[in-house]
Structures are given as C-alpha cells and as structure tokens.
Amino acid sequence: MTQTLSRRAFLAGAGCALAAQATTNAQDNLPVIDIHQHTHYWGRSDEDLIRHQRALGATRTILLPAGSKYGLEADCYGNDSVLALARKYPKEFVFFANEVADLSDARPAIEKFLKAGAIGIGEQKFFVDCDSKHIELIAALARDYDVPVLMHFQHGKYNTGFERFHKMLEKFPKVNFIGHAQTWWGNIDRNHDQTVLYPKGKLTPGGLTDRWLADYPNLYGDLSAGSGLNALLRDEEFTQAFFTRHQDKLMYGSDCQDADTKVKECSGIKCLEAVRRLSPNRKVERKILFENARRVLKI
C-alpha cells in the first residue's frame, strides 16, 4: 500500500508520461540501452541531456557526434563533445566517432576517436550515395577496427540510393550496419513510395528493410526518432509480427531533443512504451531494449 501511494504521489507531482515511465523503470530495475542520442541537440545542455536520460530510464546511452560540418542538421556537437561527456560519466555514456564521409581527412579524423575509445562510427548523415566510395571508406575503417556503422537513410538527401545498399552489405560482410531514419523505416513496407518520408496506414511485409534484416546477418535496425515511432504505430499488428521475426536485429534508441523530463510529446518515451506494449513477450522486449545492443556494440 505504501509503495502504491508513493507511486501515485510521484505521478501527480510529475504530471507527465516520461516521469511515469521513469518510475516503472526504477521499479523493474532492468537495464535499458539507448543507442541514439546527441550532445547540444538543438542547443540542449549536457545537464538537460543527463537529466532526460535518467528520467527515461536509460542505464547506458550511446552518444553520436556530428562531423566537422552540418551538425547533423540539428546543431549537434562533434567528437570532442561526446568524448568529454562519456569520460565525465563513464557508467552512463559511451560514444561513437564521426566525420563527413566525403572529406579528404575523414579517415584520420574518425580514427583518432576510435583510438580514444569510440565503439562505433556514426551517425553517418551526409550528402553521399549509400554505395559510394565515401561510404566504402567508412565501411573499410569500421572493418579494420571491428566496430559498427550507424546510417541515416533519407531519400533524396542522405545516403541516397537505398535500393542499392545490399551491395555494401555484401561487399563488407564482417561490418555490422545499423539502419535508421525515414527511408530505412518506410521500406519495411513492400509497397512503399520512396518519396514519402512518413507514410501512414497498413503495411505489407516484404519491403527492402524487412527482407534485408532477414537475409543479411550484418544488418540491424535502430528504432529511434519520429520515423521509427511512426513505423511502429502505423500498423500495430504488423509491428508485433515484425518484432517476432527480427527480435535479434532491433535496438531501442530515443534520438529525441527534449530538454527536460516534463515534456509530454517525447518520442523517446513513446518508442519505449511501444516496444513494451507490442513485444510478443518479455524475452523479445529485453532483446530490443538491452541484449541486442549489448551484443552488437560489445558493451
């Protein structure tokens, strides 16, 4: 009774879904790995990021830096920033390395931070084709350091030519690629129109993403951001079956820009709730929220 009253009092004071989920996480005492966050996301401070991730219930967060240009189109900070935060809070944060793929010094720039402890490369979100020589350079570096690459696929803009990405999977079979963003998630549907970034309605199994997750052992999916959330919620019957057949290939990420824990429209918490609600059983839920990321990212 005391525990129930305490929980009600907490929820009344917080007044938001994110705080409610934080309470659930604390009660469950189960680890959650968030594979997708950024420093200075639209100006958010490190203090706000830390507070948000703790309220979310993320026991480990992967920080993805921008390259030296573009700020991932969200004013995100780069390699030095994620390294500094991870070193300050090593139990809560780890980090990837990144650089604009078509810059002449991309390899040494990334390599510097891999040697400093980065556990992956990305988020690769730049104006190149996904099967270009520039992404081949990134993949070769990932192979040499035995780390994964997280790719942002967006039709007509970032890592374009998604229908050809299977060539990279075949050319670099020992490199684990993690797919993310609008075009990645749109292509779970066999009937997807590539020009639509946030499609709605019922899905038909057998889209490129759906097939490649089944066919290529080195391909994984990042559930984060509005694109991932949209994909999970548009056809929940499809999602339940999708979770079942790809339970060893999917990883939770937030990629939300919220600056405090009282925000009511946080896509990170909504994605977390969707995974818990739509997973066919607790075993699959734990794989998506923790075990797959621990295995693939070696943390």
Protein backbone atom coordinates (compact mmCIF):
# COMPACT_ATOMS: atom_id res chain seq x y z
CA MET A 1 0.00 0.00 0.00
CA THR A 2 2.81 2.41 0.89
CA GLN A 3 4.53 1.68 -2.42
CA THR A 4 1.30 2.31 -4.35
CA LEU A 5 0.65 5.60 -2.59
CA SER A 6 4.22 6.73 -3.17
CA ARG A 7 3.88 5.96 -6.86
CA ARG A 8 0.63 7.89 -7.12
CA ALA A 9 2.14 10.86 -5.35
CA PHE A 10 5.12 10.86 -7.69
CA LEU A 11 2.96 10.71 -10.80
CA ALA A 12 0.71 13.50 -9.56
CA GLY A 13 3.71 15.71 -8.94
CA ALA A 14 5.39 14.98 -12.25
CA GLY A 15 2.28 15.15 -14.38
CA CYS A 16 3.77 13.57 -17.46
CA ALA A 17 4.27 10.25 -19.22
CA LEU A 18 8.06 10.44 -19.09
CA ALA A 19 8.11 10.65 -15.31
CA ALA A 20 5.63 7.79 -15.14
CA GLN A 21 7.92 5.60 -17.22
CA ALA A 22 10.91 6.53 -15.10
CA THR A 23 9.04 5.20 -12.07
CA THR A 24 8.27 1.96 -13.90
CA ASN A 25 11.91 1.58 -14.87
CA ALA A 26 13.04 2.12 -11.29
CA GLN A 27 10.59 -0.48 -10.01
CA ASP A 28 11.58 -3.01 -12.65
CA ASN A 29 15.27 -2.25 -12.07
CA LEU A 30 16.03 -3.55 -15.55
CA PRO A 31 18.75 -2.06 -17.77
CA VAL A 32 17.89 -0.15 -20.95
CA ILE A 33 20.47 0.78 -23.58
CA ASP A 34 19.63 3.84 -25.68
CA ILE A 35 21.74 3.61 -28.84
CA HIS A 36 20.94 7.06 -30.25
CA GLN A 37 21.45 10.43 -28.57
CA HIS A 38 23.34 13.65 -29.31
CA THR A 39 25.05 16.43 -27.39
CA HIS A 40 23.79 20.01 -27.95
CA TYR A 41 20.74 18.70 -29.85
CA TRP A 42 19.14 22.00 -30.96
CA GLY A 43 21.05 23.70 -28.17
CA ARG A 44 20.18 21.32 -25.33
CA SER A 45 22.70 21.45 -22.48
CA ASP A 46 24.61 18.44 -21.20
CA GLU A 47 22.83 18.85 -17.87
CA ASP A 48 19.43 18.61 -19.54
CA LEU A 49 20.53 15.59 -21.57
CA ILE A 50 21.74 13.78 -18.45
CA ARG A 51 18.51 14.55 -16.59
CA HIS A 52 16.41 13.44 -19.55
CA GLN A 53 18.23 10.14 -19.98
CA ARG A 54 17.97 9.32 -16.30
CA ALA A 55 14.23 10.04 -16.29
CA LEU A 56 13.87 7.94 -19.42
CA GLY A 57 15.40 5.04 -17.52
CA ALA A 58 18.38 4.63 -19.86
CA THR A 59 21.13 2.90 -17.92
CA ARG A 60 23.59 3.33 -20.81
CA THR A 61 23.39 5.86 -23.65
CA ILE A 62 25.35 5.92 -26.91
CA LEU A 63 26.37 9.46 -27.90
CA LEU A 64 26.54 10.02 -31.66
CA PRO A 65 28.65 13.01 -32.71
CA ALA A 66 28.24 15.25 -35.71
CA GLY A 67 31.02 15.66 -38.22
CA SER A 68 33.02 18.85 -38.58
CA LYS A 69 30.26 20.29 -40.81
CA TYR A 70 26.45 20.44 -40.81
CA GLY A 71 25.81 19.47 -37.16
CA LEU A 72 23.62 16.58 -38.34
CA GLU A 73 21.12 19.28 -39.36
CA ALA A 74 20.25 19.76 -35.68
CA ASP A 75 23.15 21.88 -34.33
CA CYS A 76 24.64 18.78 -32.67
CA TYR A 77 28.20 18.88 -31.40
CA GLY A 78 31.05 16.70 -32.58
CA ASN A 79 33.64 14.19 -31.44
CA ASP A 80 35.25 16.26 -28.70
CA SER A 81 31.90 16.88 -27.06
CA VAL A 82 30.78 13.26 -26.84
CA LEU A 83 34.21 12.13 -25.68
CA ALA A 84 34.20 14.68 -22.87
CA LEU A 85 30.73 13.72 -21.61
CA ALA A 86 31.47 10.00 -21.78
CA ARG A 87 34.68 10.45 -19.82
CA LYS A 88 32.87 12.51 -17.19
CA TYR A 89 30.08 9.94 -16.79
CA PRO A 90 31.63 6.64 -17.93
CA LYS A 91 28.96 4.47 -16.31
CA GLU A 92 26.15 6.22 -18.21
CA PHE A 93 27.59 7.19 -21.59
CA VAL A 94 29.72 5.69 -24.33
CA PHE A 95 30.37 7.25 -27.72
CA PHE A 96 30.82 6.80 -31.45
CA ALA A 97 33.22 8.67 -33.75
CA ASN A 98 32.17 10.55 -36.87
CA GLU A 99 33.17 12.76 -39.78
CA VAL A 100 31.66 13.91 -43.05
CA ALA A 101 32.23 10.93 -45.32
CA ASP A 102 33.45 12.79 -48.41
CA LEU A 103 36.05 14.97 -46.68
CA SER A 104 39.64 14.12 -47.55
CA ASP A 105 40.61 13.70 -43.89
CA ALA A 106 37.57 11.66 -42.87
CA ARG A 107 39.55 8.54 -42.09
CA PRO A 108 42.19 10.08 -39.77
CA ALA A 109 39.54 12.23 -38.08
CA ILE A 110 37.43 9.19 -37.21
CA GLU A 111 40.42 7.01 -36.45
CA LYS A 112 41.64 9.46 -33.82
CA PHE A 113 38.50 8.95 -31.76
CA LEU A 114 38.29 5.22 -32.35
CA LYS A 115 41.72 5.04 -30.77
CA ALA A 116 40.36 7.17 -27.90
CA GLY A 117 37.63 4.64 -27.15
CA ALA A 118 34.78 5.16 -29.61
CA ILE A 119 32.80 1.93 -30.06
CA GLY A 120 31.30 2.70 -33.48
CA ILE A 121 31.05 5.16 -36.38
CA GLY A 122 28.08 7.45 -36.92
CA GLU A 123 25.59 8.82 -37.21
CA GLN A 124 26.55 8.91 -40.88
CA LYS A 125 24.10 11.57 -42.15
CA PHE A 126 25.75 13.27 -45.10
CA PHE A 127 25.14 14.13 -48.74
CA VAL A 128 26.52 10.99 -50.40
CA ASP A 129 25.17 7.84 -52.06
CA CYS A 130 24.93 4.89 -49.70
CA ASP A 131 27.09 2.75 -52.00
CA SER A 132 29.61 5.47 -52.88
CA LYS A 133 33.38 5.29 -52.48
CA HIS A 134 32.93 7.54 -49.44
CA ILE A 135 30.78 5.01 -47.59
CA GLU A 136 33.16 2.28 -48.72
CA LEU A 137 35.91 4.18 -46.92
CA ILE A 138 33.75 4.36 -43.77
CA ALA A 139 32.95 0.65 -44.01
CA ALA A 140 36.60 -0.29 -44.51
CA LEU A 141 37.55 1.71 -41.42
CA ALA A 142 34.78 0.00 -39.43
CA ARG A 143 36.05 -3.36 -40.60
CA ASP A 144 39.62 -2.52 -39.58
CA TYR A 145 38.53 -1.52 -36.07
CA ASP A 146 35.74 -4.10 -35.74
CA VAL A 147 33.02 -1.55 -34.94
CA PRO A 148 29.52 -0.97 -36.35
CA VAL A 149 28.33 1.90 -38.55
CA LEU A 150 25.03 3.70 -37.90
CA MET A 151 23.47 5.05 -41.13
CA HIS A 152 20.76 7.68 -41.60
CA PHE A 153 18.84 6.92 -44.81
CA GLN A 154 16.74 9.76 -46.22
CA HIS A 155 15.53 9.66 -49.81
CA GLY A 156 16.90 12.47 -51.96
CA LYS A 157 19.21 13.77 -49.23
CA TYR A 158 21.32 11.50 -47.02
CA ASN A 159 22.88 8.15 -48.01
CA THR A 160 20.80 8.08 -51.16
CA GLY A 161 20.17 5.13 -53.43
CA PHE A 162 18.83 2.94 -50.63
CA GLU A 163 17.71 0.25 -53.07
CA ARG A 164 21.40 -0.44 -53.75
CA PHE A 165 22.53 -0.74 -50.14
CA HIS A 166 22.57 -4.53 -50.31
CA LYS A 167 25.78 -4.15 -52.34
CA MET A 168 27.51 -2.68 -49.29
CA LEU A 169 26.20 -5.45 -47.06
CA GLU A 170 27.64 -8.00 -49.45
CA LYS A 171 30.94 -6.20 -50.00
CA PHE A 172 31.56 -5.80 -46.25
CA PRO A 173 30.04 -8.91 -44.65
CA LYS A 174 32.06 -8.50 -41.45
CA VAL A 175 30.83 -4.95 -40.84
CA ASN A 176 27.65 -4.52 -38.83
CA PHE A 177 25.47 -1.76 -40.25
CA ILE A 178 22.66 -0.20 -38.20
CA GLY A 179 19.87 1.37 -40.25
CA HIS A 180 17.92 4.44 -39.12
CA ALA A 181 15.62 7.25 -40.29
CA GLN A 182 12.82 7.88 -42.74
CA THR A 183 13.78 5.83 -45.79
CA TRP A 184 15.01 2.92 -43.69
CA TRP A 185 11.67 2.68 -41.86
CA GLY A 186 9.50 3.44 -44.87
CA ASN A 187 10.98 0.41 -46.58
CA ILE A 188 9.61 -2.12 -44.12
CA ASP A 189 6.57 -1.89 -46.43
CA ARG A 190 6.72 -3.75 -49.76
CA ASN A 191 4.53 -1.05 -51.34
CA HIS A 192 6.49 1.94 -50.06
CA ASP A 193 6.63 5.12 -52.16
CA GLN A 194 10.24 6.34 -51.74
CA THR A 195 9.18 9.99 -51.92
CA VAL A 196 7.02 9.69 -48.78
CA LEU A 197 9.11 10.12 -45.64
CA TYR A 198 6.42 9.47 -43.01
CA PRO A 199 3.96 7.03 -44.58
CA LYS A 200 0.71 6.08 -42.89
CA GLY A 201 -1.64 3.12 -42.98
CA LYS A 202 -1.44 -0.64 -43.19
CA LEU A 203 1.80 -2.32 -44.19
CA THR A 204 2.60 -5.23 -46.47
CA PRO A 205 5.52 -7.45 -45.35
CA GLY A 206 8.46 -7.88 -47.69
CA GLY A 207 9.83 -4.36 -48.11
CA LEU A 208 13.55 -3.91 -48.66
CA THR A 209 14.28 -3.29 -44.98
CA ASP A 210 12.13 -6.22 -43.90
CA ARG A 211 13.81 -8.59 -46.36
CA TRP A 212 17.36 -7.41 -45.76
CA LEU A 213 17.04 -7.77 -41.98
CA ALA A 214 16.18 -11.41 -42.61
CA ASP A 215 18.72 -12.04 -45.35
CA TYR A 216 21.86 -10.26 -44.08
CA PRO A 217 23.35 -11.18 -40.70
CA ASN A 218 25.32 -7.90 -40.63
CA LEU A 219 22.26 -5.60 -40.76
CA TYR A 220 20.43 -4.20 -37.71
CA GLY A 221 17.70 -1.64 -37.04
CA ASP A 222 17.61 1.46 -34.82
CA LEU A 223 14.04 2.17 -33.63
CA SER A 224 14.68 5.81 -32.74
CA ALA A 225 13.21 9.17 -33.74
CA GLY A 226 9.84 10.10 -35.20
CA SER A 227 10.50 7.87 -38.19
CA GLY A 228 10.93 4.77 -36.03
CA LEU A 229 7.95 5.65 -33.84
CA ASN A 230 5.77 6.25 -36.91
CA ALA A 231 6.74 2.85 -38.27
CA LEU A 232 5.89 1.09 -35.00
CA LEU A 233 2.48 2.72 -34.56
CA ARG A 234 1.07 2.85 -38.10
CA ASP A 235 0.13 -0.84 -38.17
CA GLU A 236 0.48 -2.46 -34.76
CA GLU A 237 -0.44 -5.94 -35.97
CA PHE A 238 2.43 -5.74 -38.48
CA THR A 239 4.76 -4.43 -35.75
CA GLN A 240 4.08 -7.38 -33.45
CA ALA A 241 4.98 -9.81 -36.24
CA PHE A 242 7.97 -7.64 -37.24
CA PHE A 243 9.28 -7.76 -33.65
CA THR A 244 8.92 -11.53 -33.63
CA ARG A 245 10.79 -12.22 -36.86
CA HIS A 246 13.52 -9.61 -36.26
CA GLN A 247 13.81 -9.87 -32.48
CA ASP A 248 17.58 -10.36 -32.67
CA LYS A 249 18.13 -7.43 -35.06
CA LEU A 250 16.35 -4.45 -33.45
CA MET A 251 17.67 -1.96 -30.89
CA TYR A 252 15.98 0.78 -28.92
CA GLY A 253 17.06 4.39 -29.42
CA SER A 254 15.47 7.71 -28.45
CA ASP A 255 17.01 10.43 -30.69
CA CYS A 256 14.72 12.97 -29.06
CA GLN A 257 15.70 16.60 -28.47
CA ASP A 258 13.73 17.17 -25.28
CA ALA A 259 15.41 19.45 -22.78
CA ASP A 260 13.58 18.41 -19.62
CA THR A 261 11.73 15.45 -18.21
CA LYS A 262 8.27 17.03 -18.18
CA VAL A 263 7.78 17.12 -21.94
CA LYS A 264 4.57 15.30 -22.91
CA GLU A 265 5.37 14.51 -26.55
CA CYS A 266 8.74 12.85 -26.12
CA SER A 267 9.25 10.39 -28.98
CA GLY A 268 11.84 8.53 -26.91
CA ILE A 269 9.37 7.62 -24.17
CA LYS A 270 6.67 6.83 -26.73
CA CYS A 271 9.00 4.45 -28.52
CA LEU A 272 9.93 2.82 -25.22
CA GLU A 273 6.25 2.36 -24.39
CA ALA A 274 5.55 0.93 -27.85
CA VAL A 275 8.33 -1.66 -27.53
CA ARG A 276 6.98 -2.79 -24.17
CA ARG A 277 3.37 -2.89 -25.34
CA LEU A 278 3.90 -4.51 -28.75
CA SER A 279 6.64 -7.03 -27.95
CA PRO A 280 5.09 -10.53 -28.06
CA ASN A 281 6.71 -11.44 -24.75
CA ARG A 282 9.17 -10.20 -22.14
CA LYS A 283 12.07 -12.07 -23.73
CA VAL A 284 11.70 -10.17 -27.00
CA GLU A 285 11.29 -6.89 -25.13
CA ARG A 286 14.56 -7.45 -23.27
CA LYS A 287 16.38 -8.23 -26.50
CA ILE A 288 15.23 -4.98 -28.11
CA LEU A 289 15.78 -2.78 -25.06
CA PHE A 290 19.08 -4.22 -23.91
CA GLU A 291 20.53 -7.53 -25.07
CA ASN A 292 20.91 -6.84 -28.79
CA ALA A 293 22.71 -3.54 -28.20
CA ARG A 294 24.97 -5.10 -25.59
CA ARG A 295 25.93 -7.84 -28.06
CA VAL A 296 26.32 -5.75 -31.21
CA LEU A 297 28.05 -2.80 -29.54
CA LYS A 298 30.11 -5.01 -27.20
CA ILE A 299 29.26 -3.10 -24.03
